[in-house]
Every structure is written in C-alpha cells, then in structure tokens.
N, C-alpha and C. Protein backbone atom coordinates (compact mmCIF):
# COMPACT_ATOMS: atom_id res chain seq x y z
N MET A 1 30.78 20.44 -75.48
CA MET A 1 29.79 21.41 -75.94
C MET A 1 29.47 22.73 -75.39
N SER A 2 30.33 23.66 -76.15
CA SER A 2 29.25 24.84 -75.69
C SER A 2 28.60 25.91 -75.98
N LYS A 3 27.50 26.17 -76.00
CA LYS A 3 26.36 27.01 -76.53
C LYS A 3 25.95 28.09 -76.00
N VAL A 4 25.46 29.18 -76.38
CA VAL A 4 25.01 29.99 -75.47
C VAL A 4 24.28 29.74 -75.45
N ASN A 5 24.02 30.30 -73.26
CA ASN A 5 22.47 30.36 -72.77
C ASN A 5 22.56 31.74 -72.40
N ARG A 6 22.12 31.95 -71.39
CA ARG A 6 21.01 33.42 -70.88
C ARG A 6 22.20 33.95 -70.07
N TYR A 7 23.40 32.64 -69.30
CA TYR A 7 24.20 33.08 -68.73
C TYR A 7 25.35 34.01 -69.66
N THR A 8 26.26 33.78 -70.46
CA THR A 8 26.75 33.79 -71.57
C THR A 8 27.22 35.76 -71.43
N ARG A 9 27.86 36.10 -71.31
CA ARG A 9 28.21 37.55 -72.04
C ARG A 9 29.51 37.89 -72.48
N ALA A 10 29.81 39.32 -73.48
CA ALA A 10 30.38 39.21 -73.78
C ALA A 10 31.08 40.70 -73.83
N SER A 11 32.62 40.76 -73.69
CA SER A 11 33.18 41.65 -73.72
C SER A 11 33.00 43.10 -74.56
N LYS A 12 33.21 43.87 -73.54
CA LYS A 12 32.68 45.35 -74.45
C LYS A 12 33.90 46.29 -75.61
N PHE A 13 34.78 45.77 -75.91
CA PHE A 13 35.42 45.78 -76.85
C PHE A 13 36.12 45.18 -77.59
N ASP A 14 36.16 43.03 -77.06
CA ASP A 14 36.46 42.00 -78.25
C ASP A 14 35.12 41.82 -78.48
N GLY A 15 34.16 41.49 -78.12
CA GLY A 15 33.02 40.86 -78.26
C GLY A 15 33.35 39.46 -78.32
N LYS A 16 31.93 38.54 -79.04
CA LYS A 16 32.87 37.18 -78.78
C LYS A 16 31.92 36.64 -79.64
N ALA A 17 32.73 35.76 -80.17
CA ALA A 17 33.15 34.99 -81.77
C ALA A 17 32.18 33.73 -81.84
N ILE A 18 30.71 33.54 -81.76
CA ILE A 18 29.77 32.40 -82.31
C ILE A 18 29.52 31.96 -83.72
N TYR A 19 29.72 30.94 -83.77
CA TYR A 19 29.51 29.93 -84.63
C TYR A 19 28.00 29.78 -85.32
N CYS A 20 27.53 28.85 -86.38
CA CYS A 20 26.48 28.80 -86.80
C CYS A 20 26.32 27.81 -86.71
N PRO A 21 25.10 26.79 -86.24
CA PRO A 21 24.86 25.36 -86.06
C PRO A 21 25.13 25.15 -87.67
N ASN A 22 24.26 24.95 -88.47
CA ASN A 22 24.82 25.37 -89.91
C ASN A 22 25.32 25.15 -90.87
N CYS A 23 25.99 26.60 -90.81
CA CYS A 23 27.45 26.46 -91.30
C CYS A 23 28.88 26.08 -90.84
N THR A 24 28.58 26.44 -90.06
CA THR A 24 29.60 26.85 -89.02
C THR A 24 30.63 27.96 -89.38
N SER A 25 29.75 28.87 -89.94
CA SER A 25 31.07 30.07 -89.85
C SER A 25 30.43 31.06 -88.70
N SER A 26 31.99 32.42 -88.94
CA SER A 26 31.49 32.57 -87.88
C SER A 26 31.54 34.21 -87.60
N ASN A 27 30.87 34.49 -86.78
CA ASN A 27 30.35 36.36 -86.62
C ASN A 27 30.68 36.88 -84.97
N ARG A 28 30.73 37.80 -85.02
CA ARG A 28 31.38 38.61 -84.11
C ARG A 28 30.24 39.33 -83.43
N VAL A 29 29.38 38.97 -81.69
CA VAL A 29 28.55 40.18 -80.96
C VAL A 29 29.37 40.71 -80.07
N TYR A 30 28.66 41.50 -79.87
CA TYR A 30 29.21 42.40 -78.73
C TYR A 30 28.17 42.36 -77.50
N HIS A 31 27.22 42.39 -77.91
CA HIS A 31 26.07 41.82 -76.91
C HIS A 31 24.92 40.82 -77.00
N PHE A 32 24.38 40.31 -75.83
CA PHE A 32 23.30 38.88 -76.20
C PHE A 32 21.68 39.54 -75.88
N CYS A 33 21.51 40.37 -76.28
CA CYS A 33 19.97 41.32 -76.04
C CYS A 33 19.76 40.96 -77.70
N TRP A 34 19.42 40.21 -77.77
CA TRP A 34 18.12 39.62 -79.03
C TRP A 34 18.65 37.83 -78.89
N SER A 35 17.04 37.55 -79.43
CA SER A 35 16.84 36.38 -79.38
C SER A 35 17.06 35.27 -80.69
N ALA A 36 17.40 35.62 -81.87
CA ALA A 36 18.13 35.17 -83.38
C ALA A 36 18.85 36.46 -84.18
N ILE A 37 19.29 36.09 -84.60
CA ILE A 37 19.90 36.70 -85.38
C ILE A 37 20.15 35.84 -86.58
N THR A 38 20.35 36.35 -88.03
CA THR A 38 20.59 35.43 -88.81
C THR A 38 22.04 35.66 -88.96
N CYS A 39 22.65 34.00 -90.16
CA CYS A 39 23.42 33.59 -90.14
C CYS A 39 24.56 34.57 -91.31
N GLY A 40 25.67 35.32 -91.01
CA GLY A 40 25.84 36.22 -92.29
C GLY A 40 27.01 35.00 -93.30
N GLY A 41 27.10 33.62 -93.23
CA GLY A 41 27.51 32.55 -93.85
C GLY A 41 26.09 32.05 -94.68
N CYS A 42 24.96 31.74 -93.71
CA CYS A 42 23.76 30.69 -94.59
C CYS A 42 22.76 31.82 -94.12
N LYS A 43 22.63 32.40 -94.36
CA LYS A 43 21.18 33.31 -94.09
C LYS A 43 20.63 33.30 -93.33
N GLU A 44 20.93 32.23 -92.66
CA GLU A 44 18.71 31.49 -91.82
C GLU A 44 19.14 32.41 -90.70
N MET A 45 17.62 32.24 -90.05
CA MET A 45 17.54 32.93 -89.37
C MET A 45 17.44 31.59 -88.27
N ILE A 46 18.83 32.33 -86.95
CA ILE A 46 19.05 30.96 -85.77
C ILE A 46 18.48 31.28 -84.46
N ASP A 47 17.54 30.77 -83.64
CA ASP A 47 17.67 31.20 -82.39
C ASP A 47 19.02 31.55 -81.23
N LYS A 48 19.20 32.13 -80.61
CA LYS A 48 20.08 32.77 -80.13
C LYS A 48 20.67 31.61 -79.17
N ASN A 49 20.23 30.18 -78.91
CA ASN A 49 20.35 28.79 -77.84
C ASN A 49 20.50 28.24 -78.86
N GLU A 50 20.89 28.42 -80.18
CA GLU A 50 21.64 27.34 -80.41
C GLU A 50 22.59 27.51 -81.28
N TRP A 51 23.51 28.53 -81.06
CA TRP A 51 24.78 29.55 -81.77
C TRP A 51 25.72 28.31 -80.90
N ASN A 52 26.62 28.26 -81.40
CA ASN A 52 27.54 27.10 -80.77
C ASN A 52 28.92 28.59 -80.27
N LEU A 53 29.32 28.57 -79.22
CA LEU A 53 30.36 29.12 -78.78
C LEU A 53 32.16 28.24 -79.28
N ASN A 54 32.29 27.40 -79.26
CA ASN A 54 33.71 26.49 -79.08
C ASN A 54 33.71 26.38 -81.24
N GLU A 55 35.43 27.31 -81.18
CA GLU A 55 35.60 26.62 -82.76
C GLU A 55 36.33 24.90 -82.55
N GLU A 56 36.53 24.15 -81.50
CA GLU A 56 36.73 23.55 -81.69
C GLU A 56 35.64 22.28 -82.13
N LEU A 57 34.38 22.81 -81.57
CA LEU A 57 32.86 21.52 -81.81
C LEU A 57 33.10 22.03 -83.55
N THR A 58 33.24 23.31 -84.63
CA THR A 58 32.74 23.34 -85.47
C THR A 58 33.98 22.18 -86.30
N LYS A 59 34.81 22.43 -85.95
CA LYS A 59 36.08 21.78 -86.17
C LYS A 59 35.99 20.04 -87.01
N ASP A 60 35.19 19.55 -85.51
CA ASP A 60 34.43 18.67 -85.60
C ASP A 60 33.53 18.05 -86.69
N ILE A 61 32.64 19.03 -86.21
CA ILE A 61 31.58 18.83 -87.55
C ILE A 61 32.26 19.17 -88.96
N LYS A 62 33.54 20.00 -89.51
CA LYS A 62 33.48 19.99 -90.96
C LYS A 62 34.22 18.63 -91.24
N SER A 63 35.35 18.09 -90.03
CA SER A 63 35.52 17.16 -90.49
C SER A 63 34.97 15.84 -90.91
N LYS A 64 33.58 15.76 -90.04
CA LYS A 64 32.26 14.30 -90.40
C LYS A 64 31.83 14.72 -91.31
C-alpha cells in the first residue's frame, strides 16, 4: 500500500497519477506543494497524505 508522503515527487513533464481513497478516481498532479486538493470524482477535499499512488490498490478496493 503506497500513499503520498512528504518524499513523494512528480515528474515535471509527465506528472504523477494519484488515486482518491474515497471514490478511486484518478487525478494527475505535477507538484506536491499543497496540503489538500478537491477530488475530481467525488468533489471532496482530501488531505495530501490520504491520496494513493498505486493503481493496484484501487483495483482491490473496487473488487471488494
């Protein structure tokens, strides 16, 4: 299980895909200079440390 932490970095050109812990929708970010952002899927404000990095983790959530 991989979550965003203070050491997480994103590529300048490709960014990094992060996944909502509530609705598992994907969002692409290009920097982590934020403390919370609004999910594009469920429209909820989610703290940076709660976002998931691995798509495999979201597949497990959907199958449950």
